[in-house]
Amino acid sequence: MPKPNEVNPSNYEVKNILFDNGEFSIVIGTWEKTEKNVLAMRWNGDNEDKGYPKTFGHPVWFIIHDELKQPIIASLMNNDSQLVSKLLER
């Protein structure tokens, strides 16, 4: 089971892990070396499975559409009071 900081395809750079319960992760990062922060998520899998999504057996991130970024972050903020400081680190 890859951890969120171990999923580093060349086209997405993780900046902050917003949610990780071991099975599912949501992160914020940059897509294709742009300055724009985008939200991404994935199921992490288990010891034998590299989760979903994956490309050619390598774990990758699923990019969330910008219109959904705010509601997802707002929902996470209700559950994690330290999330605002994580988002402002960059």
Protein backbone atom coordinates (compact mmCIF):
# COMPACT_ATOMS: atom_id res chain seq x y z
CA MET A 1 0.00 0.00 0.00
CA PRO A 2 1.75 3.20 -1.11
CA LYS A 3 1.61 6.18 1.22
CA PRO A 4 0.57 9.55 -0.29
CA ASN A 5 4.11 10.92 -0.17
CA GLU A 6 5.30 7.87 -2.13
CA VAL A 7 2.98 8.53 -5.08
CA ASN A 8 5.01 10.92 -7.21
CA PRO A 9 4.34 10.63 -10.92
CA SER A 10 6.38 13.04 -13.01
CA ASN A 11 3.34 15.17 -13.89
CA TYR A 12 2.04 15.81 -10.33
CA GLU A 13 3.92 17.13 -7.31
CA VAL A 14 2.31 16.69 -3.88
CA LYS A 15 2.54 19.85 -1.76
CA ASN A 16 0.39 18.89 1.24
CA ILE A 17 -1.48 15.79 2.39
CA LEU A 18 -4.94 17.00 3.42
CA PHE A 19 -6.45 13.65 4.33
CA ASP A 20 -5.01 10.17 4.79
CA ASN A 21 -6.68 7.40 6.72
CA GLY A 22 -4.41 4.70 5.32
CA GLU A 23 -6.98 3.50 2.80
CA PHE A 24 -7.82 6.78 1.03
CA SER A 25 -5.89 10.02 0.53
CA ILE A 26 -6.60 13.57 -0.64
CA VAL A 27 -3.70 15.89 -1.44
CA ILE A 28 -3.08 19.31 -2.91
CA GLY A 29 -0.26 19.82 -5.37
CA THR A 30 0.76 21.11 -8.76
CA TRP A 31 -0.09 19.51 -12.10
CA GLU A 32 2.59 19.45 -14.81
CA LYS A 33 4.82 21.98 -13.03
CA THR A 34 2.30 24.83 -13.13
CA GLU A 35 1.86 27.16 -10.18
CA LYS A 36 -1.86 26.34 -9.90
CA ASN A 37 -2.75 24.14 -6.93
CA VAL A 38 -5.04 21.26 -7.77
CA LEU A 39 -6.75 18.72 -5.55
CA ALA A 40 -6.18 15.02 -6.15
CA MET A 41 -7.22 11.76 -4.51
CA ARG A 42 -6.73 8.00 -4.63
CA TRP A 43 -7.51 4.72 -2.92
CA ASN A 44 -4.24 3.47 -1.50
CA GLY A 45 -4.82 -0.25 -1.88
CA ASP A 46 -3.36 -2.86 0.43
CA ASN A 47 -0.08 -4.74 0.75
CA GLU A 48 -0.51 -6.52 -2.59
CA ASP A 49 -2.48 -3.91 -4.54
CA LYS A 50 -1.10 -0.46 -5.41
CA GLY A 51 -4.56 1.08 -5.17
CA TYR A 52 -6.47 3.12 -7.69
CA PRO A 53 -5.84 4.88 -9.95
CA LYS A 54 -2.66 3.40 -11.34
CA THR A 55 -1.01 3.46 -14.75
CA PHE A 56 1.01 0.46 -15.94
CA GLY A 57 1.12 -0.77 -12.33
CA HIS A 58 2.36 2.55 -10.90
CA PRO A 59 0.18 4.55 -8.47
CA VAL A 60 -1.00 7.96 -9.73
CA TRP A 61 -3.41 10.69 -8.59
CA PHE A 62 -6.93 11.41 -9.81
CA ILE A 63 -7.29 15.19 -10.31
CA ILE A 64 -10.49 16.75 -8.92
CA HIS A 65 -12.28 19.33 -11.06
CA ASP A 66 -11.81 22.92 -9.79
CA GLU A 67 -15.55 23.35 -9.16
CA LEU A 68 -15.37 20.57 -6.56
CA LYS A 69 -12.21 21.76 -4.82
CA GLN A 70 -13.91 24.24 -2.46
CA PRO A 71 -16.69 21.93 -1.20
CA ILE A 72 -14.23 19.08 -0.58
CA ILE A 73 -11.78 21.32 1.30
CA ALA A 74 -14.65 22.86 3.31
CA SER A 75 -15.82 19.37 4.27
CA LEU A 76 -12.31 18.39 5.33
CA MET A 77 -11.96 21.60 7.36
CA ASN A 78 -15.01 20.60 9.41
CA ASN A 79 -13.10 17.48 10.46
CA ASP A 80 -9.56 18.91 10.81
CA SER A 81 -8.90 22.27 12.46
CA GLN A 82 -5.23 22.18 11.36
CA LEU A 83 -6.11 21.99 7.66
CA VAL A 84 -6.02 25.77 7.15
CA SER A 85 -2.39 25.93 8.31
CA LYS A 86 -1.52 23.00 6.01
CA LEU A 87 -3.02 24.84 3.05
CA LEU A 88 -1.18 28.06 3.85
CA GLU A 89 2.25 26.39 4.15
CA ARG A 90 3.01 26.92 0.47
